[in-house]
Amino acid sequence: MKTKAELLPECPVATTVQLIGNKWKLLIIRNLRTRPWRFNELQKNLDGISQKVLTDNLRAMEADGLITRTVYAEVPPRVEYSLSELGETMRPILDAMEEWGNSYKSAVHS
């Protein structure tokens, strides 16, 4: 059986796209850049995402080491999602995307 590293594409750009290359993962990371979020907060903020799709994306990102899931021993239980140390290293990618998006919007509106 192949290891996780052996399953990744040879191209580093393809690897990045595989890890964060869908709309929802990028928007989840966008939100987690600001602070830890609870599941229901994310679902309300990400207009149009279903509970299943959010759950699947959070699980995949946790398995890939991009986010951490913290369960607090409270009643009812409280769960928060935040960027992991590895996930934090993606901050410059999202910052660059934000900068480019703002530049594009300015160019289109001028």
PDB file of N, CA and C in Angstrom:
ATOM      1  N   MET A   1       0.841  -1.181   0.000  1.00  0.00           N
ATOM      2  CA  MET A   1       0.000   0.000   0.000  1.00  0.00           C
ATOM      3  C   MET A   1       0.888   1.249   0.000  1.00  0.00           C
ATOM      4  N   LYS A   2       0.503   2.251  -0.806  1.00  0.00           N
ATOM      5  CA  LYS A   2       1.299   3.465  -0.927  1.00  0.00           C
ATOM      6  C   LYS A   2       1.086   4.376   0.277  1.00  0.00           C
ATOM      7  N   THR A   3       2.139   5.117   0.622  1.00  0.00           N
ATOM      8  CA  THR A   3       2.020   6.104   1.695  1.00  0.00           C
ATOM      9  C   THR A   3       1.309   7.329   1.152  1.00  0.00           C
ATOM     10  N   LYS A   4       0.886   8.198   2.050  1.00  0.00           N
ATOM     11  CA  LYS A   4       0.213   9.426   1.645  1.00  0.00           C
ATOM     12  C   LYS A   4       1.102  10.254   0.716  1.00  0.00           C
ATOM     13  N   ALA A   5       2.403  10.340   1.046  1.00  0.00           N
ATOM     14  CA  ALA A   5       3.339  11.110   0.225  1.00  0.00           C
ATOM     15  C   ALA A   5       3.451  10.526  -1.184  1.00  0.00           C
ATOM     16  N   GLU A   6       3.379   9.214  -1.291  1.00  0.00           N
ATOM     17  CA  GLU A   6       3.479   8.572  -2.608  1.00  0.00           C
ATOM     18  C   GLU A   6       2.221   8.795  -3.449  1.00  0.00           C
ATOM     19  N   LEU A   7       1.109   9.103  -2.812  1.00  0.00           N
ATOM     20  CA  LEU A   7      -0.135   9.348  -3.525  1.00  0.00           C
ATOM     21  C   LEU A   7      -0.248  10.773  -4.050  1.00  0.00           C
ATOM     22  N   LEU A   8       0.610  11.662  -3.575  1.00  0.00           N
ATOM     23  CA  LEU A   8       0.559  13.055  -4.015  1.00  0.00           C
ATOM     24  C   LEU A   8       1.099  13.184  -5.434  1.00  0.00           C
ATOM     25  N   PRO A   9       0.565  14.147  -6.192  1.00  0.00           N
ATOM     26  CA  PRO A   9       1.069  14.366  -7.545  1.00  0.00           C
ATOM     27  C   PRO A   9       2.548  14.770  -7.526  1.00  0.00           C
ATOM     28  N   GLU A  10       3.237  14.495  -8.612  1.00  0.00           N
ATOM     29  CA  GLU A  10       4.648  14.871  -8.714  1.00  0.00           C
ATOM     30  C   GLU A  10       4.808  16.386  -8.764  1.00  0.00           C
ATOM     31  N   CYS A  11       3.886  17.052  -9.434  1.00  0.00           N
ATOM     32  CA  CYS A  11       3.940  18.516  -9.584  1.00  0.00           C
ATOM     33  C   CYS A  11       3.515  19.194  -8.282  1.00  0.00           C
ATOM     34  N   PRO A  12       4.335  20.115  -7.754  1.00  0.00           N
ATOM     35  CA  PRO A  12       3.975  20.780  -6.496  1.00  0.00           C
ATOM     36  C   PRO A  12       2.724  21.647  -6.599  1.00  0.00           C
ATOM     37  N   VAL A  13       2.472  22.228  -7.766  1.00  0.00           N
ATOM     38  CA  VAL A  13       1.247  23.020  -7.931  1.00  0.00           C
ATOM     39  C   VAL A  13       0.036  22.097  -7.873  1.00  0.00           C
ATOM     40  N   ALA A  14       0.131  20.947  -8.504  1.00  0.00           N
ATOM     41  CA  ALA A  14      -0.966  19.971  -8.463  1.00  0.00           C
ATOM     42  C   ALA A  14      -1.196  19.474  -7.039  1.00  0.00           C
ATOM     43  N   THR A  15      -0.130  19.332  -6.260  1.00  0.00           N
ATOM     44  CA  THR A  15      -0.268  18.930  -4.859  1.00  0.00           C
ATOM     45  C   THR A  15      -1.067  19.976  -4.089  1.00  0.00           C
ATOM     46  N   THR A  16      -0.717  21.251  -4.279  1.00  0.00           N
ATOM     47  CA  THR A  16      -1.429  22.333  -3.600  1.00  0.00           C
ATOM     48  C   THR A  16      -2.895  22.352  -4.015  1.00  0.00           C
ATOM     49  N   VAL A  17      -3.145  22.213  -5.303  1.00  0.00           N
ATOM     50  CA  VAL A  17      -4.522  22.198  -5.798  1.00  0.00           C
ATOM     51  C   VAL A  17      -5.287  21.020  -5.205  1.00  0.00           C
ATOM     52  N   GLN A  18      -4.643  19.876  -5.099  1.00  0.00           N
ATOM     53  CA  GLN A  18      -5.309  18.707  -4.509  1.00  0.00           C
ATOM     54  C   GLN A  18      -5.687  18.972  -3.054  1.00  0.00           C
ATOM     55  N   LEU A  19      -4.843  19.675  -2.319  1.00  0.00           N
ATOM     56  CA  LEU A  19      -5.088  19.912  -0.896  1.00  0.00           C
ATOM     57  C   LEU A  19      -6.105  21.021  -0.640  1.00  0.00           C
ATOM     58  N   ILE A  20      -6.077  22.087  -1.435  1.00  0.00           N
ATOM     59  CA  ILE A  20      -6.962  23.233  -1.153  1.00  0.00           C
ATOM     60  C   ILE A  20      -7.719  23.710  -2.378  1.00  0.00           C
ATOM     61  N   GLY A  21      -7.733  22.913  -3.435  1.00  0.00           N
ATOM     62  CA  GLY A  21      -8.223  23.390  -4.716  1.00  0.00           C
ATOM     63  C   GLY A  21      -9.717  23.346  -4.943  1.00  0.00           C
ATOM     64  N   ASN A  22     -10.509  23.321  -3.913  1.00  0.00           N
ATOM     65  CA  ASN A  22     -11.938  23.477  -4.175  1.00  0.00           C
ATOM     66  C   ASN A  22     -12.437  24.731  -3.469  1.00  0.00           C
ATOM     67  N   LYS A  23     -13.543  25.211  -3.945  1.00  0.00           N
ATOM     68  CA  LYS A  23     -14.122  26.465  -3.446  1.00  0.00           C
ATOM     69  C   LYS A  23     -14.269  26.465  -1.924  1.00  0.00           C
ATOM     70  N   TRP A  24     -14.798  25.387  -1.386  1.00  0.00           N
ATOM     71  CA  TRP A  24     -15.112  25.364   0.039  1.00  0.00           C
ATOM     72  C   TRP A  24     -13.857  25.346   0.898  1.00  0.00           C
ATOM     73  N   LYS A  25     -12.852  24.574   0.522  1.00  0.00           N
ATOM     74  CA  LYS A  25     -11.626  24.527   1.324  1.00  0.00           C
ATOM     75  C   LYS A  25     -10.966  25.895   1.375  1.00  0.00           C
ATOM     76  N   LEU A  26     -10.928  26.580   0.255  1.00  0.00           N
ATOM     77  CA  LEU A  26     -10.332  27.919   0.239  1.00  0.00           C
ATOM     78  C   LEU A  26     -11.101  28.881   1.137  1.00  0.00           C
ATOM     79  N   LEU A  27     -12.423  28.797   1.102  1.00  0.00           N
ATOM     80  CA  LEU A  27     -13.228  29.696   1.933  1.00  0.00           C
ATOM     81  C   LEU A  27     -13.141  29.333   3.411  1.00  0.00           C
ATOM     82  N   ILE A  28     -13.020  28.045   3.716  1.00  0.00           N
ATOM     83  CA  ILE A  28     -12.821  27.630   5.113  1.00  0.00           C
ATOM     84  C   ILE A  28     -11.495  28.179   5.629  1.00  0.00           C
ATOM     85  N   ILE A  29     -10.442  28.030   4.836  1.00  0.00           N
ATOM     86  CA  ILE A  29      -9.128  28.554   5.240  1.00  0.00           C
ATOM     87  C   ILE A  29      -9.187  30.070   5.376  1.00  0.00           C
ATOM     88  N   ARG A  30      -9.881  30.727   4.461  1.00  0.00           N
ATOM     89  CA  ARG A  30     -10.049  32.187   4.555  1.00  0.00           C
ATOM     90  C   ARG A  30     -10.610  32.570   5.921  1.00  0.00           C
ATOM     91  N   ASN A  31     -11.656  31.867   6.354  1.00  0.00           N
ATOM     92  CA  ASN A  31     -12.267  32.179   7.643  1.00  0.00           C
ATOM     93  C   ASN A  31     -11.330  31.856   8.802  1.00  0.00           C
ATOM     94  N   LEU A  32     -10.667  30.711   8.729  1.00  0.00           N
ATOM     95  CA  LEU A  32      -9.813  30.284   9.842  1.00  0.00           C
ATOM     96  C   LEU A  32      -8.561  31.146   9.981  1.00  0.00           C
ATOM     97  N   ARG A  33      -8.249  31.955   8.983  1.00  0.00           N
ATOM     98  CA  ARG A  33      -7.111  32.887   9.105  1.00  0.00           C
ATOM     99  C   ARG A  33      -7.363  33.924  10.195  1.00  0.00           C
ATOM    100  N   THR A  34      -8.631  34.215  10.470  1.00  0.00           N
ATOM    101  CA  THR A  34      -8.955  35.282  11.412  1.00  0.00           C
ATOM    102  C   THR A  34      -9.032  34.816  12.856  1.00  0.00           C
ATOM    103  N   ARG A  35      -9.551  33.578  13.064  1.00  0.00           N
ATOM    104  CA  ARG A  35      -9.763  33.069  14.424  1.00  0.00           C
ATOM    105  C   ARG A  35     -10.287  31.647  14.334  1.00  0.00           C
ATOM    106  N   PRO A  36     -10.347  30.920  15.461  1.00  0.00           N
ATOM    107  CA  PRO A  36     -11.009  29.614  15.455  1.00  0.00           C
ATOM    108  C   PRO A  36     -12.512  29.790  15.227  1.00  0.00           C
ATOM    109  N   TRP A  37     -13.109  28.849  14.533  1.00  0.00           N
ATOM    110  CA  TRP A  37     -14.543  28.894  14.233  1.00  0.00           C
ATOM    111  C   TRP A  37     -15.205  27.595  14.681  1.00  0.00           C
ATOM    112  N   ARG A  38     -16.444  27.705  15.098  1.00  0.00           N
ATOM    113  CA  ARG A  38     -17.256  26.530  15.395  1.00  0.00           C
ATOM    114  C   ARG A  38     -17.965  26.090  14.118  1.00  0.00           C
ATOM    115  N   PHE A  39     -18.384  24.824  14.087  1.00  0.00           N
ATOM    116  CA  PHE A  39     -19.006  24.249  12.895  1.00  0.00           C
ATOM    117  C   PHE A  39     -20.186  25.089  12.414  1.00  0.00           C
ATOM    118  N   ASN A  40     -21.121  25.389  13.312  1.00  0.00           N
ATOM    119  CA  ASN A  40     -22.327  26.130  12.917  1.00  0.00           C
ATOM    120  C   ASN A  40     -22.003  27.528  12.420  1.00  0.00           C
ATOM    121  N   GLU A  41     -20.977  28.162  12.995  1.00  0.00           N
ATOM    122  CA  GLU A  41     -20.556  29.475  12.510  1.00  0.00           C
ATOM    123  C   GLU A  41     -20.074  29.388  11.067  1.00  0.00           C
ATOM    124  N   LEU A  42     -19.254  28.373  10.807  1.00  0.00           N
ATOM    125  CA  LEU A  42     -18.755  28.186   9.447  1.00  0.00           C
ATOM    126  C   LEU A  42     -19.909  27.938   8.478  1.00  0.00           C
ATOM    127  N   GLN A  43     -20.827  27.064   8.862  1.00  0.00           N
ATOM    128  CA  GLN A  43     -21.944  26.731   7.973  1.00  0.00           C
ATOM    129  C   GLN A  43     -22.794  27.962   7.670  1.00  0.00           C
ATOM    130  N   LYS A  44     -23.037  28.800   8.660  1.00  0.00           N
ATOM    131  CA  LYS A  44     -23.829  30.018   8.437  1.00  0.00           C
ATOM    132  C   LYS A  44     -23.071  31.013   7.570  1.00  0.00           C
ATOM    133  N   ASN A  45     -21.757  31.095   7.744  1.00  0.00           N
ATOM    134  CA  ASN A  45     -20.955  32.065   7.003  1.00  0.00           C
ATOM    135  C   ASN A  45     -20.711  31.650   5.555  1.00  0.00           C
ATOM    136  N   LEU A  46     -20.637  30.350   5.311  1.00  0.00           N
ATOM    137  CA  LEU A  46     -20.352  29.836   3.966  1.00  0.00           C
ATOM    138  C   LEU A  46     -21.679  29.561   3.261  1.00  0.00           C
ATOM    139  N   ASP A  47     -22.239  30.583   2.682  1.00  0.00           N
ATOM    140  CA  ASP A  47     -23.561  30.521   2.069  1.00  0.00           C
ATOM    141  C   ASP A  47     -23.625  29.429   1.011  1.00  0.00           C
ATOM    142  N   GLY A  48     -24.536  28.483   1.209  1.00  0.00           N
ATOM    143  CA  GLY A  48     -24.761  27.438   0.224  1.00  0.00           C
ATOM    144  C   GLY A  48     -24.090  26.108   0.520  1.00  0.00           C
ATOM    145  N   ILE A  49     -23.253  26.039   1.553  1.00  0.00           N
ATOM    146  CA  ILE A  49     -22.581  24.777   1.859  1.00  0.00           C
ATOM    147  C   ILE A  49     -23.518  23.892   2.680  1.00  0.00           C
ATOM    148  N   SER A  50     -23.557  22.621   2.330  1.00  0.00           N
ATOM    149  CA  SER A  50     -24.390  21.689   3.096  1.00  0.00           C
ATOM    150  C   SER A  50     -23.598  21.167   4.294  1.00  0.00           C
ATOM    151  N   GLN A  51     -24.301  20.624   5.250  1.00  0.00           N
ATOM    152  CA  GLN A  51     -23.655  20.057   6.437  1.00  0.00           C
ATOM    153  C   GLN A  51     -22.689  18.948   6.039  1.00  0.00           C
ATOM    154  N   LYS A  52     -23.105  18.092   5.091  1.00  0.00           N
ATOM    155  CA  LYS A  52     -22.261  16.980   4.656  1.00  0.00           C
ATOM    156  C   LYS A  52     -20.988  17.470   3.976  1.00  0.00           C
ATOM    157  N   VAL A  53     -21.119  18.445   3.090  1.00  0.00           N
ATOM    158  CA  VAL A  53     -19.946  18.959   2.370  1.00  0.00           C
ATOM    159  C   VAL A  53     -18.992  19.638   3.342  1.00  0.00           C
ATOM    160  N   LEU A  54     -19.518  20.403   4.294  1.00  0.00           N
ATOM    161  CA  LEU A  54     -18.657  21.046   5.287  1.00  0.00           C
ATOM    162  C   LEU A  54     -17.950  19.992   6.131  1.00  0.00           C
ATOM    163  N   THR A  55     -18.689  19.003   6.589  1.00  0.00           N
ATOM    164  CA  THR A  55     -18.098  17.918   7.383  1.00  0.00           C
ATOM    165  C   THR A  55     -17.001  17.210   6.599  1.00  0.00           C
ATOM    166  N   ASP A  56     -17.280  16.852   5.353  1.00  0.00           N
ATOM    167  CA  ASP A  56     -16.300  16.143   4.523  1.00  0.00           C
ATOM    168  C   ASP A  56     -15.036  16.977   4.312  1.00  0.00           C
ATOM    169  N   ASN A  57     -15.206  18.262   4.052  1.00  0.00           N
ATOM    170  CA  ASN A  57     -14.050  19.132   3.825  1.00  0.00           C
ATOM    171  C   ASN A  57     -13.233  19.328   5.090  1.00  0.00           C
ATOM    172  N   LEU A  58     -13.906  19.520   6.218  1.00  0.00           N
ATOM    173  CA  LEU A  58     -13.180  19.680   7.484  1.00  0.00           C
ATOM    174  C   LEU A  58     -12.413  18.412   7.827  1.00  0.00           C
ATOM    175  N   ARG A  59     -13.030  17.257   7.630  1.00  0.00           N
ATOM    176  CA  ARG A  59     -12.345  15.984   7.912  1.00  0.00           C
ATOM    177  C   ARG A  59     -11.132  15.805   7.009  1.00  0.00           C
ATOM    178  N   ALA A  60     -11.283  16.116   5.731  1.00  0.00           N
ATOM    179  CA  ALA A  60     -10.165  15.974   4.788  1.00  0.00           C
ATOM    180  C   ALA A  60      -9.027  16.917   5.157  1.00  0.00           C
ATOM    181  N   MET A  61      -9.353  18.144   5.508  1.00  0.00           N
ATOM    182  CA  MET A  61      -8.326  19.124   5.851  1.00  0.00           C
ATOM    183  C   MET A  61      -7.639  18.748   7.162  1.00  0.00           C
ATOM    184  N   GLU A  62      -8.386  18.171   8.087  1.00  0.00           N
ATOM    185  CA  GLU A  62      -7.783  17.701   9.335  1.00  0.00           C
ATOM    186  C   GLU A  62      -6.851  16.523   9.048  1.00  0.00           C
ATOM    187  N   ALA A  63      -7.289  15.600   8.207  1.00  0.00           N
ATOM    188  CA  ALA A  63      -6.461  14.437   7.850  1.00  0.00           C
ATOM    189  C   ALA A  63      -5.187  14.869   7.121  1.00  0.00           C
ATOM    190  N   ASP A  64      -5.280  15.948   6.341  1.00  0.00           N
ATOM    191  CA  ASP A  64      -4.114  16.465   5.625  1.00  0.00           C
ATOM    192  C   ASP A  64      -3.210  17.321   6.509  1.00  0.00           C
ATOM    193  N   GLY A  65      -3.645  17.564   7.749  1.00  0.00           N
ATOM    194  CA  GLY A  65      -2.831  18.327   8.689  1.00  0.00           C
ATOM    195  C   GLY A  65      -2.941  19.834   8.553  1.00  0.00           C
ATOM    196  N   LEU A  66      -3.948  20.313   7.808  1.00  0.00           N
ATOM    197  CA  LEU A  66      -4.081  21.747   7.582  1.00  0.00           C
ATOM    198  C   LEU A  66      -4.850  22.460   8.691  1.00  0.00           C
ATOM    199  N   ILE A  67      -5.737  21.739   9.355  1.00  0.00           N
ATOM    200  CA  ILE A  67      -6.516  22.337  10.443  1.00  0.00           C
ATOM    201  C   ILE A  67      -6.479  21.420  11.656  1.00  0.00           C
ATOM    202  N   THR A  68      -6.809  22.008  12.794  1.00  0.00           N
ATOM    203  CA  THR A  68      -6.943  21.219  14.012  1.00  0.00           C
ATOM    204  C   THR A  68      -8.380  21.336  14.508  1.00  0.00           C
ATOM    205  N   ARG A  69      -8.834  20.277  15.103  1.00  0.00           N
ATOM    206  CA  ARG A  69     -10.181  20.200  15.675  1.00  0.00           C
ATOM    207  C   ARG A  69     -10.001  20.040  17.171  1.00  0.00           C
ATOM    208  N   THR A  70     -10.523  21.009  17.924  1.00  0.00           N
ATOM    209  CA  THR A  70     -10.396  20.984  19.376  1.00  0.00           C
ATOM    210  C   THR A  70     -11.770  20.774  19.989  1.00  0.00           C
ATOM    211  N   VAL A  71     -11.883  19.724  20.792  1.00  0.00           N
ATOM    212  CA  VAL A  71     -13.141  19.423  21.482  1.00  0.00           C
ATOM    213  C   VAL A  71     -12.979  19.823  22.940  1.00  0.00           C
ATOM    214  N   TYR A  72     -13.872  20.681  23.416  1.00  0.00           N
ATOM    215  CA  TYR A  72     -13.843  21.133  24.803  1.00  0.00           C
ATOM    216  C   TYR A  72     -14.804  20.283  25.629  1.00  0.00           C
ATOM    217  N   ALA A  73     -14.354  19.864  26.805  1.00  0.00           N
ATOM    218  CA  ALA A  73     -15.161  19.011  27.686  1.00  0.00           C
ATOM    219  C   ALA A  73     -16.196  19.859  28.415  1.00  0.00           C
ATOM    220  N   GLU A  74     -17.215  20.218  27.687  1.00  0.00           N
ATOM    221  CA  GLU A  74     -18.310  21.012  28.230  1.00  0.00           C
ATOM    222  C   GLU A  74     -19.620  20.313  27.888  1.00  0.00           C
ATOM    223  N   VAL A  75     -20.684  20.746  28.528  1.00  0.00           N
ATOM    224  CA  VAL A  75     -22.002  20.239  28.180  1.00  0.00           C
ATOM    225  C   VAL A  75     -22.847  21.439  27.764  1.00  0.00           C
ATOM    226  N   PRO A  76     -23.324  21.468  26.518  1.00  0.00           N
ATOM    227  CA  PRO A  76     -23.016  20.533  25.429  1.00  0.00           C
ATOM    228  C   PRO A  76     -21.571  20.708  24.955  1.00  0.00           C
ATOM    229  N   PRO A  77     -21.016  19.670  24.312  1.00  0.00           N
ATOM    230  CA  PRO A  77     -19.627  19.754  23.857  1.00  0.00           C
ATOM    231  C   PRO A  77     -19.439  20.900  22.858  1.00  0.00           C
ATOM    232  N   ARG A  78     -18.308  21.550  22.954  1.00  0.00           N
ATOM    233  CA  ARG A  78     -17.970  22.644  22.041  1.00  0.00           C
ATOM    234  C   ARG A  78     -16.772  22.199  21.222  1.00  0.00           C
ATOM    235  N   VAL A  79     -16.874  22.357  19.904  1.00  0.00           N
ATOM    236  CA  VAL A  79     -15.799  21.976  18.993  1.00  0.00           C
ATOM    237  C   VAL A  79     -15.412  23.205  18.197  1.00  0.00           C
ATOM    238  N   GLU A  80     -14.112  23.472  18.125  1.00  0.00           N
ATOM    239  CA  GLU A  80     -13.603  24.588  17.333  1.00  0.00           C
ATOM    240  C   GLU A  80     -12.577  24.088  16.332  1.00  0.00           C
ATOM    241  N   TYR A  81     -12.575  24.729  15.184  1.00  0.00           N
ATOM    242  CA  TYR A  81     -11.612  24.425  14.129  1.00  0.00           C
ATOM    243  C   TYR A  81     -10.694  25.626  13.964  1.00  0.00           C
ATOM    244  N   SER A  82      -9.414  25.350  13.801  1.00  0.00           N
ATOM    245  CA  SER A  82      -8.438  26.416  13.590  1.00  0.00           C
ATOM    246  C   SER A  82      -7.353  25.910  12.652  1.00  0.00           C
ATOM    247  N   LEU A  83      -6.582  26.844  12.115  1.00  0.00           N
ATOM    248  CA  LEU A  83      -5.459  26.452  11.271  1.00  0.00           C
ATOM    249  C   LEU A  83      -4.398  25.783  12.134  1.00  0.00           C
ATOM    250  N   SER A  84      -3.846  24.704  11.636  1.00  0.00           N
ATOM    251  CA  SER A  84      -2.727  24.051  12.315  1.00  0.00           C
ATOM    252  C   SER A  84      -1.457  24.834  12.005  1.00  0.00           C
ATOM    253  N   GLU A  85      -0.360  24.413  12.577  1.00  0.00           N
ATOM    254  CA  GLU A  85       0.918  25.045  12.279  1.00  0.00           C
ATOM    255  C   GLU A  85       1.201  24.945  10.773  1.00  0.00           C
ATOM    256  N   LEU A  86       0.929  23.789  10.196  1.00  0.00           N
ATOM    257  CA  LEU A  86       1.104  23.611   8.752  1.00  0.00           C
ATOM    258  C   LEU A  86       0.132  24.496   7.979  1.00  0.00           C
ATOM    259  N   GLY A  87      -1.105  24.550   8.427  1.00  0.00           N
ATOM    260  CA  GLY A  87      -2.106  25.395   7.781  1.00  0.00           C
ATOM    261  C   GLY A  87      -1.715  26.862   7.795  1.00  0.00           C
ATOM    262  N   GLU A  88      -1.091  27.303   8.882  1.00  0.00           N
ATOM    263  CA  GLU A  88      -0.632  28.699   8.978  1.00  0.00           C
ATOM    264  C   GLU A  88       0.376  29.037   7.883  1.00  0.00           C
ATOM    265  N   THR A  89       1.121  28.039   7.413  1.00  0.00           N
ATOM    266  CA  THR A  89       2.106  28.314   6.360  1.00  0.00           C
ATOM    267  C   THR A  89       1.423  28.620   5.025  1.00  0.00           C
ATOM    268  N   MET A  90       0.116  28.392   4.939  1.00  0.00           N
ATOM    269  CA  MET A  90      -0.631  28.726   3.726  1.00  0.00           C
ATOM    270  C   MET A  90      -1.106  30.171   3.727  1.00  0.00           C
ATOM    271  N   ARG A  91      -0.925  30.853   4.836  1.00  0.00           N
ATOM    272  CA  ARG A  91      -1.382  32.244   4.956  1.00  0.00           C
ATOM    273  C   ARG A  91      -0.884  33.124   3.801  1.00  0.00           C
ATOM    274  N   PRO A  92       0.414  33.054   3.418  1.00  0.00           N
ATOM    275  CA  PRO A  92       0.867  33.905   2.307  1.00  0.00           C
ATOM    276  C   PRO A  92       0.151  33.609   0.982  1.00  0.00           C
ATOM    277  N   ILE A  93      -0.252  32.363   0.776  1.00  0.00           N
ATOM    278  CA  ILE A  93      -0.983  32.019  -0.448  1.00  0.00           C
ATOM    279  C   ILE A  93      -2.329  32.742  -0.455  1.00  0.00           C
ATOM    280  N   LEU A  94      -3.049  32.668   0.666  1.00  0.00           N
ATOM    281  CA  LEU A  94      -4.354  33.327   0.754  1.00  0.00           C
ATOM    282  C   LEU A  94      -4.204  34.841   0.725  1.00  0.00           C
ATOM    283  N   ASP A  95      -3.159  35.367   1.369  1.00  0.00           N
ATOM    284  CA  ASP A  95      -2.909  36.806   1.326  1.00  0.00           C
ATOM    285  C   ASP A  95      -2.684  37.261  -0.110  1.00  0.00           C
ATOM    286  N   ALA A  96      -1.906  36.491  -0.878  1.00  0.00           N
ATOM    287  CA  ALA A  96      -1.643  36.829  -2.277  1.00  0.00           C
ATOM    288  C   ALA A  96      -2.934  36.756  -3.098  1.00  0.00           C
ATOM    289  N   MET A  97      -3.773  35.762  -2.821  1.00  0.00           N
ATOM    290  CA  MET A  97      -5.043  35.651  -3.538  1.00  0.00           C
ATOM    291  C   MET A  97      -5.950  36.842  -3.216  1.00  0.00           C
ATOM    292  N   GLU A  98      -5.955  37.262  -1.955  1.00  0.00           N
ATOM    293  CA  GLU A  98      -6.760  38.416  -1.556  1.00  0.00           C
ATOM    294  C   GLU A  98      -6.266  39.678  -2.260  1.00  0.00           C
ATOM    295  N   GLU A  99      -4.945  39.863  -2.279  1.00  0.00           N
ATOM    296  CA  GLU A  99      -4.357  41.035  -2.931  1.00  0.00           C
ATOM    297  C   GLU A  99      -4.682  41.036  -4.427  1.00  0.00           C
ATOM    298  N   TRP A 100      -4.524  39.888  -5.076  1.00  0.00           N
ATOM    299  CA  TRP A 100      -4.807  39.792  -6.497  1.00  0.00           C
ATOM    300  C   TRP A 100      -6.283  40.051  -6.776  1.00  0.00           C
ATOM    301  N   GLY A 101      -7.160  39.484  -5.952  1.00  0.00           N
ATOM    302  CA  GLY A 101      -8.596  39.701  -6.128  1.00  0.00           C
ATOM    303  C   GLY A 101      -8.969  41.163  -6.005  1.00  0.00           C
ATOM    304  N   ASN A 102      -8.378  41.857  -5.027  1.00  0.00           N
ATOM    305  CA  ASN A 102      -8.637  43.293  -4.880  1.00  0.00           C
ATOM    306  C   ASN A 102      -8.128  44.072  -6.088  1.00  0.00           C
ATOM    307  N   SER A 103      -6.952  43.732  -6.585  1.00  0.00           N
ATOM    308  CA  SER A 103      -6.400  44.397  -7.771  1.00  0.00           C
ATOM    309  C   SER A 103      -7.284  44.172  -8.985  1.00  0.00           C
ATOM    310  N   TYR A 104      -7.738  42.953  -9.150  1.00  0.00           N
ATOM    311  CA  TYR A 104      -8.605  42.632 -10.277  1.00  0.00           C
ATOM    312  C   TYR A 104      -9.909  43.421 -10.208  1.00  0.00           C
ATOM    313  N   LYS A 105     -10.509  43.438  -9.012  1.00  0.00           N
ATOM    314  CA  LYS A 105     -11.769  44.180  -8.853  1.00  0.00           C
ATOM    315  C   LYS A 105     -11.577  45.658  -9.133  1.00  0.00           C
ATOM    316  N   SER A 106     -10.429  46.227  -8.711  1.00  0.00           N
ATOM    317  CA  SER A 106     -10.143  47.632  -8.985  1.00  0.00           C
ATOM    318  C   SER A 106      -9.960  47.870 -10.477  1.00  0.00           C
ATOM    319  N   ALA A 107      -9.281  46.967 -11.153  1.00  0.00           N
ATOM    320  CA  ALA A 107      -9.032  47.127 -12.590  1.00  0.00           C
ATOM    321  C   ALA A 107     -10.333  47.026 -13.381  1.00  0.00           C
ATOM    322  N   VAL A 108     -11.210  46.132 -12.977  1.00  0.00           N
ATOM    323  CA  VAL A 108     -12.483  45.952 -13.693  1.00  0.00           C
ATOM    324  C   VAL A 108     -13.397  47.154 -13.483  1.00  0.00           C
ATOM    325  N   HIS A 109     -13.331  47.759 -12.315  1.00  0.00           N
ATOM    326  CA  HIS A 109     -14.228  48.877 -11.996  1.00  0.00           C
ATOM    327  C   HIS A 109     -13.677  50.225 -12.437  1.00  0.00           C
ATOM    328  N   SER A 110     -12.483  50.244 -13.025  1.00  0.00           N
ATOM    329  CA  SER A 110     -11.941  51.555 -13.426  1.00  0.00           C
ATOM    330  C   SER A 110     -12.155  51.836 -14.880  1.00  0.00           C
TER     331      SER A 110
END
